[in-house]
Full PDB file with SEQRES, HELIX, SHEET, SSBOND, CRYST1, ORIGX, SCALE, CONECT and MASTER records, all heavy atoms in Angstrom:
SEQRES   1 A   39  THR PRO TYR VAL HIS GLY ALA LEU ARG GLU ALA ALA GLU          
SEQRES   2 A   39  ARG GLY CYS LEU THR VAL MET VAL THR THR VAL PRO GLY          
SEQRES   3 A   39  GLU GLN VAL ARG LEU GLU VAL ASP ILE MET ILE ASP VAL          
HELIX    1 AA1 PRO A    2  GLU A   13  1                                  12    
HELIX    2 AA2 GLY A   26  GLN A   28  5                                   3    
SHEET    1 AA1 2 VAL A  19  THR A  22  0                                        
SHEET    2 AA1 2 ILE A  35  ASP A  38  1                                        
CRYST1    1.000    1.000    1.000  90.00  90.00  90.00 P 1           1          
ORIGX1      1.000000  0.000000  0.000000        0.00000                         
ORIGX2      0.000000  1.000000  0.000000        0.00000                         
ORIGX3      0.000000  0.000000  1.000000        0.00000                         
SCALE1      1.000000  0.000000  0.000000        0.00000                         
SCALE2      0.000000  1.000000  0.000000        0.00000                         
SCALE3      0.000000  0.000000  1.000000        0.00000                         
ATOM      1  N   THR A   1       5.918   2.194  -7.516  1.00  0.00           N  
ATOM      2  CA  THR A   1       5.898   1.404  -6.293  1.00  0.00           C  
ATOM      3  C   THR A   1       4.555   1.510  -5.579  1.00  0.00           C  
ATOM      4  O   THR A   1       4.145   2.603  -5.157  1.00  0.00           O  
ATOM      5  CB  THR A   1       7.017   1.882  -5.340  1.00  0.00           C  
ATOM      6  OG1 THR A   1       8.257   1.915  -6.056  1.00  0.00           O  
ATOM      7  CG2 THR A   1       7.128   0.964  -4.144  1.00  0.00           C  
ATOM      8  N   PRO A   2       3.833   0.401  -5.418  1.00  0.00           N  
ATOM      9  CA  PRO A   2       2.507   0.454  -4.794  1.00  0.00           C  
ATOM     10  C   PRO A   2       2.501   1.094  -3.407  1.00  0.00           C  
ATOM     11  O   PRO A   2       1.585   1.854  -3.075  1.00  0.00           O  
ATOM     12  CB  PRO A   2       2.092  -1.028  -4.738  1.00  0.00           C  
ATOM     13  CG  PRO A   2       2.805  -1.643  -5.899  1.00  0.00           C  
ATOM     14  CD  PRO A   2       4.137  -0.946  -5.952  1.00  0.00           C  
ATOM     15  N   TYR A   3       3.495   0.788  -2.578  1.00  0.00           N  
ATOM     16  CA  TYR A   3       3.569   1.386  -1.239  1.00  0.00           C  
ATOM     17  C   TYR A   3       3.557   2.911  -1.329  1.00  0.00           C  
ATOM     18  O   TYR A   3       2.841   3.586  -0.581  1.00  0.00           O  
ATOM     19  CB  TYR A   3       4.840   0.908  -0.537  1.00  0.00           C  
ATOM     20  CG  TYR A   3       5.143   1.580   0.784  1.00  0.00           C  
ATOM     21  CD1 TYR A   3       4.643   1.062   1.973  1.00  0.00           C  
ATOM     22  CD2 TYR A   3       5.947   2.721   0.847  1.00  0.00           C  
ATOM     23  CE1 TYR A   3       4.937   1.673   3.195  1.00  0.00           C  
ATOM     24  CE2 TYR A   3       6.241   3.332   2.049  1.00  0.00           C  
ATOM     25  CZ  TYR A   3       5.734   2.808   3.216  1.00  0.00           C  
ATOM     26  OH  TYR A   3       6.021   3.427   4.422  1.00  0.00           O  
ATOM     27  N   VAL A   4       4.328   3.445  -2.266  1.00  0.00           N  
ATOM     28  CA  VAL A   4       4.415   4.898  -2.425  1.00  0.00           C  
ATOM     29  C   VAL A   4       3.114   5.456  -2.976  1.00  0.00           C  
ATOM     30  O   VAL A   4       2.620   6.497  -2.514  1.00  0.00           O  
ATOM     31  CB  VAL A   4       5.604   5.265  -3.332  1.00  0.00           C  
ATOM     32  CG1 VAL A   4       5.657   6.773  -3.576  1.00  0.00           C  
ATOM     33  CG2 VAL A   4       6.913   4.787  -2.705  1.00  0.00           C  
ATOM     34  N   HIS A   5       2.525   4.770  -3.941  1.00  0.00           N  
ATOM     35  CA  HIS A   5       1.252   5.235  -4.496  1.00  0.00           C  
ATOM     36  C   HIS A   5       0.169   5.245  -3.417  1.00  0.00           C  
ATOM     37  O   HIS A   5      -0.643   6.176  -3.346  1.00  0.00           O  
ATOM     38  CB  HIS A   5       0.830   4.343  -5.664  1.00  0.00           C  
ATOM     39  CG  HIS A   5       1.518   4.675  -6.944  1.00  0.00           C  
ATOM     40  ND1 HIS A   5       0.875   4.716  -8.159  1.00  0.00           N  
ATOM     41  CD2 HIS A   5       2.810   5.011  -7.199  1.00  0.00           C  
ATOM     42  CE1 HIS A   5       1.731   5.041  -9.113  1.00  0.00           C  
ATOM     43  NE2 HIS A   5       2.919   5.222  -8.548  1.00  0.00           N  
ATOM     44  N   GLY A   6       0.144   4.203  -2.587  1.00  0.00           N  
ATOM     45  CA  GLY A   6      -0.849   4.165  -1.511  1.00  0.00           C  
ATOM     46  C   GLY A   6      -0.667   5.309  -0.540  1.00  0.00           C  
ATOM     47  O   GLY A   6      -1.641   5.940  -0.110  1.00  0.00           O  
ATOM     48  N   ALA A   7       0.590   5.592  -0.185  1.00  0.00           N  
ATOM     49  CA  ALA A   7       0.870   6.699   0.728  1.00  0.00           C  
ATOM     50  C   ALA A   7       0.431   8.024   0.129  1.00  0.00           C  
ATOM     51  O   ALA A   7      -0.194   8.861   0.800  1.00  0.00           O  
ATOM     52  CB  ALA A   7       2.352   6.726   1.075  1.00  0.00           C  
ATOM     53  N   LEU A   8       0.744   8.245  -1.154  1.00  0.00           N  
ATOM     54  CA  LEU A   8       0.396   9.507  -1.810  1.00  0.00           C  
ATOM     55  C   LEU A   8      -1.117   9.655  -1.961  1.00  0.00           C  
ATOM     56  O   LEU A   8      -1.661  10.751  -1.782  1.00  0.00           O  
ATOM     57  CB  LEU A   8       1.080   9.594  -3.175  1.00  0.00           C  
ATOM     58  CG  LEU A   8       2.591   9.873  -3.124  1.00  0.00           C  
ATOM     59  CD1 LEU A   8       3.234   9.584  -4.469  1.00  0.00           C  
ATOM     60  CD2 LEU A   8       2.863  11.308  -2.694  1.00  0.00           C  
ATOM     61  N   ARG A   9      -1.804   8.585  -2.288  1.00  0.00           N  
ATOM     62  CA  ARG A   9      -3.260   8.664  -2.414  1.00  0.00           C  
ATOM     63  C   ARG A   9      -3.910   8.960  -1.060  1.00  0.00           C  
ATOM     64  O   ARG A   9      -4.828   9.767  -0.952  1.00  0.00           O  
ATOM     65  CB  ARG A   9      -3.805   7.362  -3.013  1.00  0.00           C  
ATOM     66  CG  ARG A   9      -3.497   7.205  -4.496  1.00  0.00           C  
ATOM     67  CD  ARG A   9      -4.246   6.014  -5.101  1.00  0.00           C  
ATOM     68  NE  ARG A   9      -4.162   6.047  -6.545  1.00  0.00           N  
ATOM     69  CZ  ARG A   9      -3.361   5.281  -7.287  1.00  0.00           C  
ATOM     70  NH1 ARG A   9      -2.578   4.405  -6.704  1.00  0.00           N  
ATOM     71  NH2 ARG A   9      -3.352   5.391  -8.607  1.00  0.00           N  
ATOM     72  N   GLU A  10      -3.413   8.303  -0.025  1.00  0.00           N  
ATOM     73  CA  GLU A  10      -3.948   8.550   1.318  1.00  0.00           C  
ATOM     74  C   GLU A  10      -3.677   9.992   1.740  1.00  0.00           C  
ATOM     75  O   GLU A  10      -4.553  10.660   2.318  1.00  0.00           O  
ATOM     76  CB  GLU A  10      -3.307   7.586   2.312  1.00  0.00           C  
ATOM     77  CG  GLU A  10      -3.826   7.698   3.740  1.00  0.00           C  
ATOM     78  CD  GLU A  10      -5.266   7.243   3.900  1.00  0.00           C  
ATOM     79  OE1 GLU A  10      -5.743   6.437   3.081  1.00  0.00           O  
ATOM     80  OE2 GLU A  10      -5.926   7.698   4.870  1.00  0.00           O  
ATOM     81  N   ALA A  11      -2.477  10.480   1.438  1.00  0.00           N  
ATOM     82  CA  ALA A  11      -2.132  11.856   1.787  1.00  0.00           C  
ATOM     83  C   ALA A  11      -3.054  12.844   1.085  1.00  0.00           C  
ATOM     84  O   ALA A  11      -3.533  13.817   1.693  1.00  0.00           O  
ATOM     85  CB  ALA A  11      -0.678  12.136   1.422  1.00  0.00           C  
ATOM     86  N   ALA A  12      -3.307  12.623  -0.202  1.00  0.00           N  
ATOM     87  CA  ALA A  12      -4.186  13.524  -0.951  1.00  0.00           C  
ATOM     88  C   ALA A  12      -5.594  13.516  -0.368  1.00  0.00           C  
ATOM     89  O   ALA A  12      -6.234  14.567  -0.257  1.00  0.00           O  
ATOM     90  CB  ALA A  12      -4.208  13.120  -2.421  1.00  0.00           C  
ATOM     91  N   GLU A  13      -6.060  12.356   0.009  1.00  0.00           N  
ATOM     92  CA  GLU A  13      -7.405  12.258   0.592  1.00  0.00           C  
ATOM     93  C   GLU A  13      -7.493  12.958   1.936  1.00  0.00           C  
ATOM     94  O   GLU A  13      -8.568  13.411   2.346  1.00  0.00           O  
ATOM     95  CB  GLU A  13      -7.804  10.792   0.723  1.00  0.00           C  
ATOM     96  CG  GLU A  13      -8.038  10.115  -0.626  1.00  0.00           C  
ATOM     97  CD  GLU A  13      -8.194   8.604  -0.523  1.00  0.00           C  
ATOM     98  OE1 GLU A  13      -8.342   8.105   0.621  1.00  0.00           O  
ATOM     99  OE2 GLU A  13      -8.175   7.939  -1.573  1.00  0.00           O  
ATOM    100  N   ARG A  14      -6.350  13.078   2.614  1.00  0.00           N  
ATOM    101  CA  ARG A  14      -6.319  13.773   3.900  1.00  0.00           C  
ATOM    102  C   ARG A  14      -6.039  15.264   3.737  1.00  0.00           C  
ATOM    103  O   ARG A  14      -5.882  15.967   4.730  1.00  0.00           O  
ATOM    104  CB  ARG A  14      -5.253  13.137   4.808  1.00  0.00           C  
ATOM    105  CG  ARG A  14      -5.623  11.740   5.292  1.00  0.00           C  
ATOM    106  CD  ARG A  14      -4.468  11.067   6.014  1.00  0.00           C  
ATOM    107  NE  ARG A  14      -4.859   9.748   6.502  1.00  0.00           N  
ATOM    108  CZ  ARG A  14      -5.004   9.417   7.785  1.00  0.00           C  
ATOM    109  NH1 ARG A  14      -4.772  10.326   8.734  1.00  0.00           N  
ATOM    110  NH2 ARG A  14      -5.373   8.203   8.133  1.00  0.00           N  
ATOM    111  N   GLY A  15      -5.943  15.735   2.503  1.00  0.00           N  
ATOM    112  CA  GLY A  15      -5.759  17.158   2.243  1.00  0.00           C  
ATOM    113  C   GLY A  15      -4.328  17.630   2.247  1.00  0.00           C  
ATOM    114  O   GLY A  15      -4.073  18.844   2.291  1.00  0.00           O  
ATOM    115  N   CYS A  16      -3.364  16.701   2.178  1.00  0.00           N  
ATOM    116  CA  CYS A  16      -1.951  17.075   2.168  1.00  0.00           C  
ATOM    117  C   CYS A  16      -1.502  17.454   0.761  1.00  0.00           C  
ATOM    118  O   CYS A  16      -1.979  16.899  -0.228  1.00  0.00           O  
ATOM    119  CB  CYS A  16      -1.082  15.907   2.627  1.00  0.00           C  
ATOM    120  SG  CYS A  16      -1.298  15.450   4.340  1.00  0.00           S  
ATOM    121  N   LEU A  17      -0.542  18.348   0.680  1.00  0.00           N  
ATOM    122  CA  LEU A  17       0.117  18.595  -0.587  1.00  0.00           C  
ATOM    123  C   LEU A  17       1.054  17.425  -0.856  1.00  0.00           C  
ATOM    124  O   LEU A  17       1.745  16.948   0.045  1.00  0.00           O  
ATOM    125  CB  LEU A  17       0.894  19.903  -0.543  1.00  0.00           C  
ATOM    126  CG  LEU A  17       1.410  20.400  -1.902  1.00  0.00           C  
ATOM    127  CD1 LEU A  17       1.275  21.917  -1.982  1.00  0.00           C  
ATOM    128  CD2 LEU A  17       2.843  19.984  -2.140  1.00  0.00           C  
ATOM    129  N   THR A  18       1.072  16.931  -2.106  1.00  0.00           N  
ATOM    130  CA  THR A  18       1.842  15.739  -2.432  1.00  0.00           C  
ATOM    131  C   THR A  18       2.892  16.037  -3.499  1.00  0.00           C  
ATOM    132  O   THR A  18       2.657  16.804  -4.423  1.00  0.00           O  
ATOM    133  CB  THR A  18       0.928  14.614  -2.937  1.00  0.00           C  
ATOM    134  OG1 THR A  18       0.169  15.088  -4.053  1.00  0.00           O  
ATOM    135  CG2 THR A  18      -0.017  14.155  -1.835  1.00  0.00           C  
ATOM    136  N   VAL A  19       4.060  15.400  -3.333  1.00  0.00           N  
ATOM    137  CA  VAL A  19       5.181  15.551  -4.256  1.00  0.00           C  
ATOM    138  C   VAL A  19       5.676  14.151  -4.611  1.00  0.00           C  
ATOM    139  O   VAL A  19       5.752  13.275  -3.750  1.00  0.00           O  
ATOM    140  CB  VAL A  19       6.341  16.350  -3.624  1.00  0.00           C  
ATOM    141  CG1 VAL A  19       7.493  16.519  -4.611  1.00  0.00           C  
ATOM    142  CG2 VAL A  19       5.855  17.693  -3.111  1.00  0.00           C  
ATOM    143  N   MET A  20       6.010  13.944  -5.868  1.00  0.00           N  
ATOM    144  CA  MET A  20       6.620  12.678  -6.290  1.00  0.00           C  
ATOM    145  C   MET A  20       7.997  12.960  -6.867  1.00  0.00           C  
ATOM    146  O   MET A  20       8.165  13.867  -7.690  1.00  0.00           O  
ATOM    147  CB  MET A  20       5.758  11.994  -7.345  1.00  0.00           C  
ATOM    148  CG  MET A  20       6.445  10.858  -8.099  1.00  0.00           C  
ATOM    149  SD  MET A  20       6.679   9.367  -7.102  1.00  0.00           S  
ATOM    150  CE  MET A  20       5.218   8.435  -7.575  1.00  0.00           C  
ATOM    151  N   VAL A  21       8.993  12.207  -6.396  1.00  0.00           N  
ATOM    152  CA  VAL A  21      10.338  12.265  -6.959  1.00  0.00           C  
ATOM    153  C   VAL A  21      10.610  10.922  -7.617  1.00  0.00           C  
ATOM    154  O   VAL A  21      10.587   9.879  -6.940  1.00  0.00           O  
ATOM    155  CB  VAL A  21      11.406  12.560  -5.891  1.00  0.00           C  
ATOM    156  CG1 VAL A  21      12.797  12.594  -6.525  1.00  0.00           C  
ATOM    157  CG2 VAL A  21      11.116  13.882  -5.190  1.00  0.00           C  
ATOM    158  N   THR A  22      10.847  10.934  -8.922  1.00  0.00           N  
ATOM    159  CA  THR A  22      11.056   9.704  -9.669  1.00  0.00           C  
ATOM    160  C   THR A  22      12.122   9.928 -10.720  1.00  0.00           C  
ATOM    161  O   THR A  22      12.445  11.076 -11.052  1.00  0.00           O  
ATOM    162  CB  THR A  22       9.738   9.248 -10.335  1.00  0.00           C  
ATOM    163  OG1 THR A  22       9.956   8.006 -11.014  1.00  0.00           O  
ATOM    164  CG2 THR A  22       9.232  10.285 -11.334  1.00  0.00           C  
ATOM    165  N   THR A  23      12.667   8.832 -11.252  1.00  0.00           N  
ATOM    166  CA  THR A  23      13.694   8.972 -12.275  1.00  0.00           C  
ATOM    167  C   THR A  23      13.245   8.369 -13.606  1.00  0.00           C  
ATOM    168  O   THR A  23      14.075   8.036 -14.448  1.00  0.00           O  
ATOM    169  CB  THR A  23      15.030   8.347 -11.819  1.00  0.00           C  
ATOM    170  OG1 THR A  23      14.818   7.002 -11.376  1.00  0.00           O  
ATOM    171  CG2 THR A  23      15.618   9.164 -10.686  1.00  0.00           C  
ATOM    172  N   VAL A  24      11.950   8.240 -13.794  1.00  0.00           N  
ATOM    173  CA  VAL A  24      11.391   7.933 -15.108  1.00  0.00           C  
ATOM    174  C   VAL A  24      10.621   9.159 -15.574  1.00  0.00           C  
ATOM    175  O   VAL A  24      10.256  10.020 -14.767  1.00  0.00           O  
ATOM    176  CB  VAL A  24      10.458   6.696 -15.072  1.00  0.00           C  
ATOM    177  CG1 VAL A  24      11.227   5.461 -14.649  1.00  0.00           C  
ATOM    178  CG2 VAL A  24       9.258   6.940 -14.156  1.00  0.00           C  
ATOM    179  N   PRO A  25      10.357   9.294 -16.863  1.00  0.00           N  
ATOM    180  CA  PRO A  25       9.559  10.428 -17.330  1.00  0.00           C  
ATOM    181  C   PRO A  25       8.194  10.453 -16.669  1.00  0.00           C  
ATOM    182  O   PRO A  25       7.593   9.407 -16.410  1.00  0.00           O  
ATOM    183  CB  PRO A  25       9.442  10.166 -18.843  1.00  0.00           C  
ATOM    184  CG  PRO A  25      10.612   9.306 -19.177  1.00  0.00           C  
ATOM    185  CD  PRO A  25      10.833   8.434 -17.974  1.00  0.00           C  
ATOM    186  N   GLY A  26       7.707  11.651 -16.370  1.00  0.00           N  
ATOM    187  CA  GLY A  26       6.445  11.794 -15.661  1.00  0.00           C  
ATOM    188  C   GLY A  26       5.290  11.068 -16.329  1.00  0.00           C  
ATOM    189  O   GLY A  26       4.386  10.564 -15.647  1.00  0.00           O  
ATOM    190  N   GLU A  27       5.309  10.977 -17.670  1.00  0.00           N  
ATOM    191  CA  GLU A  27       4.201  10.331 -18.365  1.00  0.00           C  
ATOM    192  C   GLU A  27       4.151   8.828 -18.097  1.00  0.00           C  
ATOM    193  O   GLU A  27       3.143   8.177 -18.381  1.00  0.00           O  
ATOM    194  CB  GLU A  27       4.272  10.590 -19.868  1.00  0.00           C  
ATOM    195  CG  GLU A  27       5.552  10.152 -20.543  1.00  0.00           C  
ATOM    196  CD  GLU A  27       6.585  11.264 -20.630  1.00  0.00           C  
ATOM    197  OE1 GLU A  27       6.499  12.208 -19.823  1.00  0.00           O  
ATOM    198  OE2 GLU A  27       7.461  11.183 -21.524  1.00  0.00           O  
ATOM    199  N   GLN A  28       5.230   8.260 -17.535  1.00  0.00           N  
ATOM    200  CA  GLN A  28       5.217   6.841 -17.192  1.00  0.00           C  
ATOM    201  C   GLN A  28       4.650   6.594 -15.795  1.00  0.00           C  
ATOM    202  O   GLN A  28       4.512   5.439 -15.384  1.00  0.00           O  
ATOM    203  CB  GLN A  28       6.632   6.262 -17.288  1.00  0.00           C  
ATOM    204  CG  GLN A  28       7.180   6.194 -18.699  1.00  0.00           C  
ATOM    205  CD  GLN A  28       8.520   5.471 -18.779  1.00  0.00           C  
ATOM    206  OE1 GLN A  28       9.085   5.030 -17.774  1.00  0.00           O  
ATOM    207  NE2 GLN A  28       9.033   5.340 -19.992  1.00  0.00           N  
ATOM    208  N   VAL A  29       4.347   7.655 -15.071  1.00  0.00           N  
ATOM    209  CA  VAL A  29       3.825   7.529 -13.709  1.00  0.00           C  
ATOM    210  C   VAL A  29       2.302   7.577 -13.738  1.00  0.00           C  
ATOM    211  O   VAL A  29       1.720   8.575 -14.160  1.00  0.00           O  
ATOM    212  CB  VAL A  29       4.374   8.642 -12.794  1.00  0.00           C  
ATOM    213  CG1 VAL A  29       3.821   8.495 -11.382  1.00  0.00           C  
ATOM    214  CG2 VAL A  29       5.897   8.607 -12.779  1.00  0.00           C  
ATOM    215  N   ARG A  30       1.650   6.537 -13.279  1.00  0.00           N  
ATOM    216  CA  ARG A  30       0.197   6.439 -13.314  1.00  0.00           C  
ATOM    217  C   ARG A  30      -0.406   6.987 -12.022  1.00  0.00           C  
ATOM    218  O   ARG A  30      -1.100   6.292 -11.281  1.00  0.00           O  
ATOM    219  CB  ARG A  30      -0.233   4.985 -13.518  1.00  0.00           C  
ATOM    220  CG  ARG A  30       0.303   4.370 -14.810  1.00  0.00           C  
ATOM    221  CD  ARG A  30      -0.080   2.916 -14.895  1.00  0.00           C  
ATOM    222  NE  ARG A  30       0.393   2.302 -16.128  1.00  0.00           N  
ATOM    223  CZ  ARG A  30       0.182   1.033 -16.457  1.00  0.00           C  
ATOM    224  NH1 ARG A  30      -0.496   0.250 -15.620  1.00  0.00           N  
ATOM    225  NH2 ARG A  30       0.643   0.545 -17.586  1.00  0.00           N  
ATOM    226  N   LEU A  31      -0.106   8.206 -11.751  1.00  0.00           N  
ATOM    227  CA  LEU A  31      -0.576   8.833 -10.518  1.00  0.00           C  
ATOM    228  C   LEU A  31      -0.492  10.336 -10.686  1.00  0.00           C  
ATOM    229  O   LEU A  31       0.447  10.852 -11.292  1.00  0.00           O  
ATOM    230  CB  LEU A  31       0.311   8.405  -9.335  1.00  0.00           C  
ATOM    231  CG  LEU A  31      -0.082   8.926  -7.958  1.00  0.00           C  
ATOM    232  CD1 LEU A  31      -1.303   8.179  -7.435  1.00  0.00           C  
ATOM    233  CD2 LEU A  31       1.085   8.769  -6.984  1.00  0.00           C  
ATOM    234  N   GLU A  32      -1.474  11.052 -10.141  1.00  0.00           N  
ATOM    235  CA  GLU A  32      -1.452  12.506 -10.168  1.00  0.00           C  
ATOM    236  C   GLU A  32      -1.035  13.035  -8.806  1.00  0.00           C  
ATOM    237  O   GLU A  32      -1.547  12.593  -7.777  1.00  0.00           O  
ATOM    238  CB  GLU A  32      -2.833  13.051 -10.538  1.00  0.00           C  
ATOM    239  CG  GLU A  32      -2.876  14.565 -10.672  1.00  0.00           C  
ATOM    240  CD  GLU A  32      -4.245  15.051 -11.098  1.00  0.00           C  
ATOM    241  OE1 GLU A  32      -4.800  14.488 -12.053  1.00  0.00           O  
ATOM    242  OE2 GLU A  32      -4.758  15.977 -10.441  1.00  0.00           O  
ATOM    243  N   VAL A  33      -0.082  13.960  -8.814  1.00  0.00           N  
ATOM    244  CA  VAL A  33       0.353  14.606  -7.579  1.00  0.00           C  
ATOM    245  C   VAL A  33       0.385  16.107  -7.801  1.00  0.00           C  
ATOM    246  O   VAL A  33       0.279  16.583  -8.927  1.00  0.00           O  
ATOM    247  CB  VAL A  33       1.754  14.103  -7.148  1.00  0.00           C  
ATOM    248  CG1 VAL A  33       1.708  12.637  -6.753  1.00  0.00           C  
ATOM    249  CG2 VAL A  33       2.782  14.325  -8.255  1.00  0.00           C  
ATOM    250  N   ASP A  34       0.567  16.853  -6.713  1.00  0.00           N  
ATOM    251  CA  ASP A  34       0.602  18.313  -6.829  1.00  0.00           C  
ATOM    252  C   ASP A  34       1.877  18.799  -7.512  1.00  0.00           C  
ATOM    253  O   ASP A  34       1.853  19.733  -8.304  1.00  0.00           O  
ATOM    254  CB  ASP A  34       0.460  18.960  -5.450  1.00  0.00           C  
ATOM    255  CG  ASP A  34      -0.898  18.678  -4.826  1.00  0.00           C  
ATOM    256  OD1 ASP A  34      -1.923  19.026  -5.460  1.00  0.00           O  
ATOM    257  OD2 ASP A  34      -0.947  18.094  -3.732  1.00  0.00           O  
ATOM    258  N   ILE A  35       3.008  18.183  -7.174  1.00  0.00           N  
ATOM    259  CA  ILE A  35       4.290  18.556  -7.778  1.00  0.00           C  
ATOM    260  C   ILE A  35       4.996  17.284  -8.224  1.00  0.00           C  
ATOM    261  O   ILE A  35       5.327  16.429  -7.401  1.00  0.00           O  
ATOM    262  CB  ILE A  35       5.186  19.329  -6.790  1.00  0.00           C  
ATOM    263  CG1 ILE A  35       4.478  20.591  -6.273  1.00  0.00           C  
ATOM    264  CG2 ILE A  35       6.512  19.711  -7.457  1.00  0.00           C  
ATOM    265  CD1 ILE A  35       5.247  21.329  -5.178  1.00  0.00           C  
ATOM    266  N   MET A  36       5.213  17.166  -9.519  1.00  0.00           N  
ATOM    267  CA  MET A  36       5.924  16.018 -10.076  1.00  0.00           C  
ATOM    268  C   MET A  36       7.362  16.423 -10.388  1.00  0.00           C  
ATOM    269  O   MET A  36       7.603  17.328 -11.195  1.00  0.00           O  
ATOM    270  CB  MET A  36       5.236  15.520 -11.345  1.00  0.00           C  
ATOM    271  CG  MET A  36       6.006  14.437 -12.093  1.00  0.00           C  
ATOM    272  SD  MET A  36       6.174  12.889 -11.156  1.00  0.00           S  
ATOM    273  CE  MET A  36       4.472  12.310 -11.229  1.00  0.00           C  
ATOM    274  N   ILE A  37       8.323  15.769  -9.740  1.00  0.00           N  
ATOM    275  CA  ILE A  37       9.741  16.015 -10.011  1.00  0.00           C  
ATOM    276  C   ILE A  37      10.286  14.745 -10.657  1.00  0.00           C  
ATOM    277  O   ILE A  37      10.751  13.815  -9.978  1.00  0.00           O  
ATOM    278  CB  ILE A  37      10.518  16.362  -8.730  1.00  0.00           C  
ATOM    279  CG1 ILE A  37       9.900  17.593  -8.038  1.00  0.00           C  
ATOM    280  CG2 ILE A  37      11.992  16.634  -9.056  1.00  0.00           C  
ATOM    281  CD1 ILE A  37      10.539  17.946  -6.714  1.00  0.00           C  
ATOM    282  N   ASP A  38      10.188  14.687 -11.961  1.00  0.00           N  
ATOM    283  CA  ASP A  38      10.688  13.534 -12.699  1.00  0.00           C  
ATOM    284  C   ASP A  38      12.040  13.884 -13.295  1.00  0.00           C  
ATOM    285  O   ASP A  38      12.202  14.871 -13.978  1.00  0.00           O  
ATOM    286  CB  ASP A  38       9.698  13.100 -13.778  1.00  0.00           C  
ATOM    287  CG  ASP A  38       9.362  14.212 -14.756  1.00  0.00           C  
ATOM    288  OD1 ASP A  38       9.244  15.372 -14.320  1.00  0.00           O  
ATOM    289  OD2 ASP A  38       9.215  13.928 -15.959  1.00  0.00           O  
ATOM    290  N   VAL A  39      13.029  13.055 -12.978  1.00  0.00           N  
ATOM    291  CA  VAL A  39      14.405  13.289 -13.410  1.00  0.00           C  
ATOM    292  C   VAL A  39      14.870  12.047 -14.175  1.00  0.00           C  
ATOM    293  O   VAL A  39      15.564  11.182 -13.616  1.00  0.00           O  
ATOM    294  CB  VAL A  39      15.336  13.565 -12.213  1.00  0.00           C  
ATOM    295  CG1 VAL A  39      16.735  13.950 -12.693  1.00  0.00           C  
ATOM    296  CG2 VAL A  39      14.772  14.658 -11.316  1.00  0.00           C  
TER     297      VAL A  39                                                      
MASTER        0    0    0    2    2    0    0    6  296    1    0    3          
END                                                                             
């Protein structure tokens, strides 16, 4: 979801720790976060 990716990228640039919760395998997510919770 672009809205979520934009939020996470902005958060990382501001020095926040970032977490992604998704229900597809992590390798399908085109974004790097600090903690990936793929279910």
